Amino acid sequence: MPFGTGVATYSMSLAHAIQTAGHQLDGVYGLRTPFRKVLRNVNFFEALGAEYQSKAPRSWSFGWGRELSWTVKARKARQVDLHGKQEVRPFAHRLPDFDRLFTVSDLFDQAMRNFRRFGTFTTVSLPDAPDIMHWTYPWPIRVAGARNIYTMHDLVPLKLPYASLDNKKIYHKLMRACIRKGDHIATVSEASRADIVDFFPEAEGKITNTYQAIRPSAQSLSLASGDEAEVAQAIKSIFRLDFQDYFLFFGAIEPKKNVGRLIEAYLASGVKAPLVVLGRRAWGADVELSLIQRDETRPMKTIFKNIRRIDYLPRRLLMLLVRGARGVAFPSLYEGFGLPILEAMTLGTPVITANTSSMPEVAGSAALLVDPYDIQDIAAALRRIDTDAELRADLFGRGIAQAEKFSMPAYQGRLNALYDSLLSGPRR
């Protein structure tokens, strides 16, 4: 995805952990490519560079019939040449360094359509199939000859059914099918593990919490230990913001992220430091941002000029903004893990987050925990971070120490333990 998601970040970290642990790493994408090899790379990287949209075939067309045939026969993956003539460096931040790269045209959308129709899983055939296929999301797909692991990050459509547009019946059916058909389920927190077992008791005994990590970059490491004056200068030049004199929220603008209450709490807090709200609009964004949008009589943006909206930033600029913030405010209603918490703590930035779901696990004692439904509680935390320099210094040290619990070596250890146990057991 050109603009990234939490699952995309998870996938990059997972790929990095697998490869640096010494394993061969293959990748499977669902981008449409022609059968002829001469244009396969061209079409693959063209699709990778855009917001790819697949098209469902018309009923009773040849494509429709072929799609139905994949309920009983495997789809063959086509290999993409990683050493072709295309310039691929622009994708370095979101294309792992695969040993082999495959694509199956419209795989994920086609698999979901057949699952909705018949409840079937699509089988994919890879040459020299890997020992383990680790799906980074619960899809109705399996790789033949491999042990198939499905990562379930959370159960938002079931826990907060009013906060998503998913078809809840299909979603529940898919989660149950992945648990039943998969060799194992991975998840990213003890809170998510408990939720999954609560909804699906049959998952007990075949689900493992591996937590997750963020892929370390040279830029992140230098931001954490580098010259504050240089960081301050960059933030001032690029964003017209003063170093450690603004609060930051980053993430998708959607109901579960609780941005509406955060904005209301910020306005009630009396804090003078600006609030920066960074994230792409998703479903429900208009309601969440209603306080800073135009009303019928006057532009409210001029009234609340201390609130800044940024739609999207590449990761290098996002991390710069996180490092320079006085605090990161992330009072989400529900998270499977809460990557922004870990990303902020890795850079030593103080965090305000919710006392619900997985967030206390990730934050530990290195953040201020608030009731995400209590606007005054969020406002009080903003005031504390804003006025208490000793607290900010304390959270700086605590945050870096807490982030070490989710380091890449620790993550690799948990993954290797899962893979070893799975390979030593019987194949489903």
Protein backbone atom coordinates (compact mmCIF):
# COMPACT_ATOMS: atom_id res chain seq x y z
CA MET A 1 0.00 0.00 0.00
CA PRO A 2 1.53 3.33 -1.06
CA PHE A 3 0.58 5.08 2.19
CA GLY A 4 1.18 2.22 4.59
CA THR A 5 -0.93 0.65 7.33
CA GLY A 6 -0.30 -0.96 10.68
CA VAL A 7 -0.41 -4.37 8.99
CA ALA A 8 2.11 -3.16 6.40
CA THR A 9 4.48 -2.08 9.19
CA TYR A 10 3.96 -5.45 10.89
CA SER A 11 4.75 -7.23 7.62
CA MET A 12 7.98 -5.30 7.07
CA SER A 13 9.12 -6.10 10.61
CA LEU A 14 8.16 -9.76 10.28
CA ALA A 15 10.08 -10.08 7.01
CA HIS A 16 13.13 -8.40 8.50
CA ALA A 17 13.04 -10.67 11.57
CA ILE A 18 12.75 -13.83 9.47
CA GLN A 19 15.57 -12.96 7.11
CA THR A 20 18.02 -11.65 9.71
CA ALA A 21 17.45 -14.89 11.66
CA GLY A 22 19.01 -16.70 8.70
CA HIS A 23 15.92 -18.09 6.98
CA GLN A 24 15.12 -17.88 3.28
CA LEU A 25 12.39 -15.30 2.73
CA ASP A 26 9.78 -15.55 -0.02
CA GLY A 27 7.00 -13.02 -0.61
CA VAL A 28 3.53 -13.50 -2.09
CA TYR A 29 1.66 -10.50 -3.51
CA GLY A 30 -1.73 -10.23 -5.20
CA LEU A 31 -0.86 -7.77 -7.98
CA ARG A 32 -2.01 -8.47 -11.53
CA THR A 33 0.75 -9.39 -13.97
CA PRO A 34 0.68 -10.87 -17.50
CA PHE A 35 1.64 -14.46 -18.24
CA ARG A 36 4.43 -13.29 -20.58
CA LYS A 37 7.64 -12.82 -18.63
CA VAL A 38 8.81 -9.90 -20.76
CA LEU A 39 6.26 -7.52 -19.20
CA ARG A 40 5.76 -9.20 -15.83
CA ASN A 41 8.18 -6.99 -13.92
CA VAL A 42 6.92 -3.85 -15.65
CA ASN A 43 3.31 -4.51 -14.67
CA PHE A 44 4.19 -5.65 -11.15
CA PHE A 45 6.11 -2.52 -10.22
CA GLU A 46 3.56 -0.32 -11.98
CA ALA A 47 0.85 -1.80 -9.76
CA LEU A 48 3.07 -1.62 -6.66
CA GLY A 49 3.54 2.10 -7.22
CA ALA A 50 -0.18 2.83 -7.37
CA GLU A 51 -3.26 2.30 -5.21
CA TYR A 52 -4.02 -1.03 -6.83
CA GLN A 53 -7.67 -1.86 -7.50
CA SER A 54 -8.78 -5.28 -8.73
CA LYS A 55 -11.97 -5.73 -10.72
CA ALA A 56 -14.53 -8.42 -10.04
CA PRO A 57 -15.48 -10.34 -13.21
CA ARG A 58 -18.99 -10.02 -14.60
CA SER A 59 -21.36 -12.87 -13.77
CA TRP A 60 -21.29 -15.71 -16.29
CA SER A 61 -18.22 -14.27 -18.04
CA PHE A 62 -15.11 -16.35 -18.78
CA GLY A 63 -13.30 -14.67 -15.87
CA TRP A 64 -16.20 -15.48 -13.56
CA GLY A 65 -16.08 -19.15 -14.50
CA ARG A 66 -12.32 -19.28 -14.12
CA GLU A 67 -12.61 -17.69 -10.67
CA LEU A 68 -15.09 -20.35 -9.58
CA SER A 69 -12.73 -23.07 -10.82
CA TRP A 70 -10.19 -21.97 -8.22
CA THR A 71 -12.39 -23.40 -5.51
CA VAL A 72 -11.24 -26.87 -6.61
CA LYS A 73 -7.79 -26.31 -8.15
CA ALA A 74 -4.71 -24.44 -6.97
CA ARG A 75 -3.61 -21.08 -8.31
CA LYS A 76 -0.04 -21.06 -9.58
CA ALA A 77 2.12 -18.17 -8.44
CA ARG A 78 4.25 -16.31 -10.99
CA GLN A 79 7.78 -15.36 -10.01
CA VAL A 80 8.90 -11.75 -10.34
CA ASP A 81 12.55 -11.10 -11.19
CA LEU A 82 14.08 -9.15 -8.32
CA HIS A 83 17.16 -8.43 -10.39
CA GLY A 84 15.43 -7.19 -13.53
CA LYS A 85 15.84 -3.95 -15.40
CA GLN A 86 13.45 -1.91 -13.25
CA GLU A 87 14.60 0.69 -10.74
CA VAL A 88 13.22 -0.61 -7.42
CA ARG A 89 14.97 1.61 -4.87
CA PRO A 90 11.88 3.86 -4.47
CA PHE A 91 10.17 0.86 -2.86
CA ALA A 92 12.92 0.08 -0.34
CA HIS A 93 10.81 1.38 2.58
CA ARG A 94 7.94 -1.01 1.86
CA LEU A 95 9.31 -3.91 -0.20
CA PRO A 96 11.23 -6.41 1.95
CA ASP A 97 14.50 -7.80 0.67
CA PHE A 98 12.99 -11.09 -0.52
CA ASP A 99 15.01 -14.04 -1.75
CA ARG A 100 12.12 -14.91 -4.06
CA LEU A 101 9.10 -12.80 -4.97
CA PHE A 102 5.82 -14.17 -6.34
CA THR A 103 2.51 -12.68 -7.35
CA VAL A 104 -0.91 -14.17 -8.01
CA SER A 105 -3.21 -11.82 -9.91
CA ASP A 106 -6.00 -10.40 -7.70
CA LEU A 107 -5.34 -13.19 -5.19
CA PHE A 108 -6.74 -11.57 -2.06
CA ASP A 109 -9.91 -10.11 -3.56
CA GLN A 110 -10.63 -13.26 -5.55
CA ALA A 111 -10.11 -15.44 -2.47
CA MET A 112 -12.51 -13.32 -0.43
CA ARG A 113 -15.15 -13.47 -3.18
CA ASN A 114 -15.02 -17.27 -3.29
CA PHE A 115 -15.05 -17.45 0.50
CA ARG A 116 -18.21 -15.32 0.60
CA ARG A 117 -19.82 -17.54 -2.06
CA PHE A 118 -18.87 -20.98 -0.82
CA GLY A 119 -16.85 -20.68 2.41
CA THR A 120 -13.83 -22.20 0.65
CA PHE A 121 -10.12 -21.42 0.94
CA THR A 122 -8.07 -20.68 -2.17
CA THR A 123 -4.96 -22.85 -2.53
CA VAL A 124 -1.76 -21.33 -3.94
CA SER A 125 0.99 -23.44 -5.47
CA LEU A 126 4.60 -22.22 -5.12
CA PRO A 127 7.62 -23.92 -6.70
CA ASP A 128 9.74 -25.54 -4.00
CA ALA A 129 7.13 -24.66 -1.40
CA PRO A 130 8.40 -23.11 1.86
CA ASP A 131 8.20 -24.99 5.14
CA ILE A 132 6.07 -22.23 6.65
CA MET A 133 3.69 -19.72 5.11
CA HIS A 134 3.11 -16.87 7.56
CA TRP A 135 0.10 -14.87 6.43
CA THR A 136 0.24 -11.37 7.91
CA TYR A 137 -3.56 -11.16 8.06
CA PRO A 138 -6.33 -13.78 8.26
CA TRP A 139 -7.05 -14.48 4.58
CA PRO A 140 -8.98 -17.50 3.22
CA ILE A 141 -5.85 -18.73 1.42
CA ARG A 142 -3.34 -21.50 2.02
CA VAL A 143 -0.04 -22.46 0.36
CA ALA A 144 0.06 -26.12 -0.61
CA GLY A 145 2.81 -28.13 1.09
CA ALA A 146 3.50 -25.53 3.80
CA ARG A 147 2.39 -25.12 7.36
CA ASN A 148 0.08 -22.11 7.26
CA ILE A 149 0.12 -19.57 10.10
CA TYR A 150 -2.42 -16.73 10.23
CA THR A 151 -1.80 -13.56 12.22
CA MET A 152 -4.92 -12.18 13.92
CA HIS A 153 -4.05 -8.70 15.11
CA ASP A 154 -7.33 -7.95 16.87
CA LEU A 155 -11.08 -8.49 16.73
CA VAL A 156 -12.23 -4.91 16.15
CA PRO A 157 -15.33 -5.83 14.06
CA LEU A 158 -16.54 -8.09 16.88
CA LYS A 159 -15.40 -6.04 19.88
CA LEU A 160 -16.40 -2.64 18.43
CA PRO A 161 -18.95 -3.57 15.75
CA TYR A 162 -20.08 0.06 15.47
CA ALA A 163 -16.54 1.18 14.57
CA SER A 164 -16.07 -0.71 11.31
CA LEU A 165 -17.87 -1.41 8.05
CA ASP A 166 -16.92 -5.10 7.89
CA ASN A 167 -19.65 -7.63 7.23
CA LYS A 168 -19.72 -9.07 10.74
CA LYS A 169 -21.19 -12.43 9.71
CA ILE A 170 -18.48 -13.00 7.06
CA TYR A 171 -15.76 -11.73 9.38
CA HIS A 172 -16.78 -14.12 12.16
CA LYS A 173 -16.98 -16.98 9.69
CA LEU A 174 -13.50 -16.17 8.32
CA MET A 175 -11.86 -15.98 11.75
CA ARG A 176 -13.38 -19.30 12.74
CA ALA A 177 -12.30 -20.89 9.44
CA CYS A 178 -8.69 -19.68 9.83
CA ILE A 179 -8.56 -21.16 13.31
CA ARG A 180 -10.03 -24.46 12.15
CA LYS A 181 -8.06 -24.85 8.90
CA GLY A 182 -4.77 -23.16 9.88
CA ASP A 183 -1.81 -24.97 11.39
CA HIS A 184 -1.44 -22.18 13.93
CA ILE A 185 -2.62 -18.67 14.84
CA ALA A 186 -0.23 -15.88 15.80
CA THR A 187 -1.32 -12.74 17.57
CA VAL A 188 0.40 -9.62 18.88
CA SER A 189 -0.62 -9.19 22.53
CA GLU A 190 -2.01 -11.07 25.49
CA ALA A 191 -5.13 -8.90 25.31
CA SER A 192 -5.76 -9.97 21.71
CA ARG A 193 -5.06 -13.59 22.59
CA ALA A 194 -7.63 -13.45 25.38
CA ASP A 195 -10.22 -11.82 23.09
CA ILE A 196 -9.70 -14.44 20.37
CA VAL A 197 -10.01 -17.35 22.79
CA ASP A 198 -13.06 -15.72 24.38
CA PHE A 199 -14.85 -15.49 21.01
CA PHE A 200 -13.41 -18.75 19.63
CA PRO A 201 -12.65 -21.26 22.43
CA GLU A 202 -11.38 -23.75 19.84
CA ALA A 203 -8.33 -21.47 19.38
CA GLU A 204 -7.02 -22.42 22.83
CA GLY A 205 -3.92 -24.54 22.36
CA LYS A 206 -3.14 -23.38 18.83
CA ILE A 207 -2.60 -19.66 19.29
CA THR A 208 0.66 -17.93 20.26
CA ASN A 209 1.33 -14.33 21.21
CA THR A 210 4.60 -13.30 19.56
CA TYR A 211 4.10 -9.57 20.23
CA GLN A 212 5.79 -7.55 17.48
CA ALA A 213 8.68 -5.19 16.86
CA ILE A 214 9.47 -2.30 14.58
CA ARG A 215 12.19 -2.60 12.01
CA PRO A 216 15.11 -0.46 13.19
CA SER A 217 16.31 2.09 10.68
CA ALA A 218 19.48 4.16 10.66
CA GLN A 219 17.32 7.28 10.76
CA SER A 220 15.40 6.14 13.88
CA LEU A 221 18.62 5.24 15.67
CA SER A 222 20.17 8.59 14.83
CA LEU A 223 17.05 10.48 15.89
CA ALA A 224 17.05 8.74 19.27
CA SER A 225 20.69 9.55 20.01
CA GLY A 226 21.47 12.43 17.67
CA ASP A 227 21.93 16.15 18.09
CA GLU A 228 18.70 17.77 19.32
CA ALA A 229 19.66 21.04 17.69
CA GLU A 230 19.69 19.41 14.26
CA VAL A 231 16.31 17.78 14.89
CA ALA A 232 14.89 21.09 16.10
CA GLN A 233 16.18 22.90 13.03
CA ALA A 234 14.67 20.31 10.67
CA ILE A 235 11.28 20.46 12.40
CA LYS A 236 11.28 24.24 12.32
CA SER A 237 12.25 24.37 8.66
CA ILE A 238 9.86 21.70 7.41
CA PHE A 239 6.82 22.02 9.67
CA ARG A 240 7.15 25.50 11.22
CA LEU A 241 6.90 23.90 14.66
CA ASP A 242 9.12 24.37 17.69
CA PHE A 243 11.04 21.40 19.08
CA GLN A 244 9.18 19.67 21.94
CA ASP A 245 6.49 22.32 21.85
CA TYR A 246 3.62 20.42 20.20
CA PHE A 247 1.54 17.32 20.81
CA LEU A 248 1.13 14.68 18.13
CA PHE A 249 -1.45 12.08 17.21
CA PHE A 250 -0.66 9.78 14.30
CA GLY A 251 -2.74 6.96 12.90
CA ALA A 252 -5.79 6.43 10.72
CA ILE A 253 -8.64 8.89 11.30
CA GLU A 254 -11.42 6.47 12.18
CA PRO A 255 -13.83 5.96 15.10
CA LYS A 256 -11.74 3.48 17.12
CA LYS A 257 -8.78 5.89 17.21
CA ASN A 258 -10.86 8.29 19.33
CA VAL A 259 -9.59 11.42 17.59
CA GLY A 260 -12.82 13.32 18.23
CA ARG A 261 -12.50 12.99 22.02
CA LEU A 262 -8.80 13.82 21.82
CA ILE A 263 -9.52 17.09 20.00
CA GLU A 264 -12.24 17.97 22.50
CA ALA A 265 -9.88 17.16 25.40
CA TYR A 266 -7.13 19.29 23.89
CA LEU A 267 -9.48 22.26 23.53
CA ALA A 268 -10.67 21.79 27.13
CA SER A 269 -7.13 21.44 28.51
CA GLY A 270 -6.03 25.03 27.90
CA VAL A 271 -2.68 23.77 26.59
CA LYS A 272 -1.01 26.36 24.35
CA ALA A 273 1.33 23.96 22.51
CA PRO A 274 -0.22 23.04 19.15
CA LEU A 275 -1.87 19.66 18.52
CA VAL A 276 -0.84 17.98 15.26
CA VAL A 277 -3.27 15.35 13.94
CA LEU A 278 -1.53 13.23 11.32
CA GLY A 279 -3.29 10.49 9.42
CA ARG A 280 -5.29 9.62 6.35
CA ARG A 281 -9.05 9.83 6.48
CA ALA A 282 -10.87 6.52 6.83
CA TRP A 283 -14.51 5.66 7.39
CA GLY A 284 -16.08 7.99 9.96
CA ALA A 285 -13.35 10.65 9.68
CA ASP A 286 -15.80 13.51 9.15
CA VAL A 287 -17.40 12.88 12.54
CA GLU A 288 -14.03 12.54 14.28
CA LEU A 289 -12.79 15.83 12.79
CA SER A 290 -16.06 17.73 13.03
CA LEU A 291 -14.73 20.25 15.57
CA ILE A 292 -12.02 21.50 13.23
CA GLN A 293 -13.98 21.51 9.98
CA ARG A 294 -16.02 24.32 8.49
CA ASP A 295 -19.53 24.85 9.78
CA GLU A 296 -22.33 26.64 7.95
CA THR A 297 -21.36 30.14 9.01
CA ARG A 298 -17.63 30.40 9.55
CA PRO A 299 -14.39 28.49 9.06
CA MET A 300 -13.76 26.77 12.40
CA LYS A 301 -10.14 26.16 11.40
CA THR A 302 -9.45 29.81 12.14
CA ILE A 303 -10.97 29.46 15.61
CA PHE A 304 -8.91 26.41 16.49
CA LYS A 305 -5.76 27.47 14.70
CA ASN A 306 -3.57 25.60 17.19
CA ILE A 307 -4.75 22.30 15.71
CA ARG A 308 -2.80 21.25 12.63
CA ARG A 309 -3.94 18.55 10.19
CA ILE A 310 -1.50 16.57 8.06
CA ASP A 311 -2.88 13.90 5.78
CA TYR A 312 0.23 11.80 5.16
CA LEU A 313 3.99 11.82 5.63
CA PRO A 314 6.64 9.36 4.45
CA ARG A 315 8.10 7.41 7.35
CA ARG A 316 11.35 9.38 7.60
CA LEU A 317 9.40 12.62 8.17
CA LEU A 318 6.88 10.93 10.47
CA MET A 319 9.68 9.72 12.75
CA LEU A 320 11.19 13.22 12.74
CA LEU A 321 7.86 14.64 13.88
CA VAL A 322 7.50 11.96 16.58
CA ARG A 323 11.00 12.67 17.93
CA GLY A 324 10.34 16.39 18.20
CA ALA A 325 6.97 16.17 19.94
CA ARG A 326 6.43 17.16 23.56
CA GLY A 327 4.18 14.14 23.76
CA VAL A 328 2.35 11.62 21.59
CA ALA A 329 -1.35 11.32 22.40
CA PHE A 330 -2.85 7.99 21.41
CA PRO A 331 -6.02 7.40 23.49
CA SER A 332 -7.45 4.75 21.15
CA LEU A 333 -10.56 2.83 22.19
CA TYR A 334 -9.13 -0.56 21.24
CA GLU A 335 -5.87 -1.87 19.77
CA GLY A 336 -4.45 -5.28 19.06
CA PHE A 337 -1.00 -3.88 19.84
CA GLY A 338 -0.73 -0.11 19.34
CA LEU A 339 2.34 0.46 17.18
CA PRO A 340 2.41 4.27 17.65
CA ILE A 341 3.07 3.69 21.36
CA LEU A 342 6.14 1.58 20.65
CA GLU A 343 7.38 3.90 17.89
CA ALA A 344 7.16 6.91 20.21
CA MET A 345 8.83 5.14 23.15
CA THR A 346 11.67 3.94 20.91
CA LEU A 347 12.52 7.62 20.33
CA GLY A 348 11.99 8.56 23.99
CA THR A 349 8.89 10.69 23.32
CA PRO A 350 6.40 10.76 26.26
CA VAL A 351 3.15 8.93 25.53
CA ILE A 352 -0.45 9.34 26.62
CA THR A 353 -2.50 6.25 25.82
CA ALA A 354 -5.58 4.33 26.91
CA ASN A 355 -5.96 1.95 29.82
CA THR A 356 -7.89 -0.55 27.67
CA SER A 357 -7.13 -3.66 25.57
CA SER A 358 -3.43 -4.16 24.75
CA MET A 359 -2.19 -0.64 25.38
CA PRO A 360 -1.19 -1.07 29.05
CA GLU A 361 0.83 -4.16 28.00
CA VAL A 362 2.81 -2.20 25.45
CA ALA A 363 3.20 0.99 27.49
CA GLY A 364 3.97 -0.64 30.85
CA SER A 365 4.88 2.06 33.38
CA ALA A 366 6.41 4.26 30.67
CA ALA A 367 3.28 6.22 29.69
CA LEU A 368 0.33 8.06 31.20
CA LEU A 369 -2.74 5.83 30.98
CA VAL A 370 -6.16 7.45 30.65
CA ASP A 371 -9.78 6.41 30.33
CA PRO A 372 -10.31 6.94 26.58
CA TYR A 373 -13.99 7.73 27.13
CA ASP A 374 -13.27 10.42 29.74
CA ILE A 375 -12.46 13.76 28.06
CA GLN A 376 -11.39 15.39 31.32
CA ASP A 377 -8.99 12.52 32.06
CA ILE A 378 -7.33 12.97 28.64
CA ALA A 379 -7.20 16.76 29.15
CA ALA A 380 -5.54 16.35 32.56
CA ALA A 381 -2.86 14.08 31.05
CA LEU A 382 -2.14 16.66 28.34
CA ARG A 383 -1.71 19.33 31.02
CA ARG A 384 0.64 17.11 33.05
CA ILE A 385 2.91 16.40 30.10
CA ASP A 386 2.78 20.06 29.07
CA THR A 387 3.75 21.54 32.44
CA ASP A 388 5.91 18.91 34.16
CA ALA A 389 9.46 18.83 32.74
CA GLU A 390 10.57 16.24 35.31
CA LEU A 391 7.76 13.92 34.25
CA ARG A 392 8.77 14.28 30.59
CA ALA A 393 12.39 13.45 31.44
CA ASP A 394 11.29 10.43 33.48
CA LEU A 395 9.07 9.13 30.68
CA PHE A 396 11.91 9.62 28.19
CA GLY A 397 14.08 7.12 30.05
CA ARG A 398 11.26 4.76 30.92
CA GLY A 399 10.04 4.72 27.31
CA ILE A 400 13.38 3.70 25.84
CA ALA A 401 13.74 0.94 28.45
CA GLN A 402 10.21 -0.35 27.84
CA ALA A 403 10.73 -0.38 24.07
CA GLU A 404 13.67 -2.76 24.55
CA LYS A 405 11.18 -5.45 25.62
CA PHE A 406 9.91 -5.40 22.03
CA SER A 407 13.32 -5.32 20.37
CA MET A 408 14.00 -7.17 17.14
CA PRO A 409 16.18 -9.88 18.82
CA ALA A 410 13.43 -10.58 21.37
CA TYR A 411 10.87 -10.78 18.56
CA GLN A 412 13.09 -13.14 16.55
CA GLY A 413 13.39 -15.41 19.56
CA ARG A 414 9.61 -15.65 19.93
CA LEU A 415 9.16 -16.31 16.18
CA ASN A 416 11.84 -19.00 16.09
CA ALA A 417 10.27 -20.77 19.07
CA LEU A 418 6.90 -20.76 17.29
CA TYR A 419 8.34 -22.00 13.99
CA ASP A 420 10.44 -24.73 15.63
CA SER A 421 7.46 -26.07 17.56
CA LEU A 422 5.30 -26.05 14.44
CA LEU A 423 7.88 -27.84 12.27
CA SER A 424 8.42 -30.53 14.89
CA GLY A 425 4.72 -31.31 15.04
CA PRO A 426 2.40 -33.07 12.57
CA ARG A 427 1.28 -31.30 9.38
CA ARG A 428 -2.41 -30.53 9.05
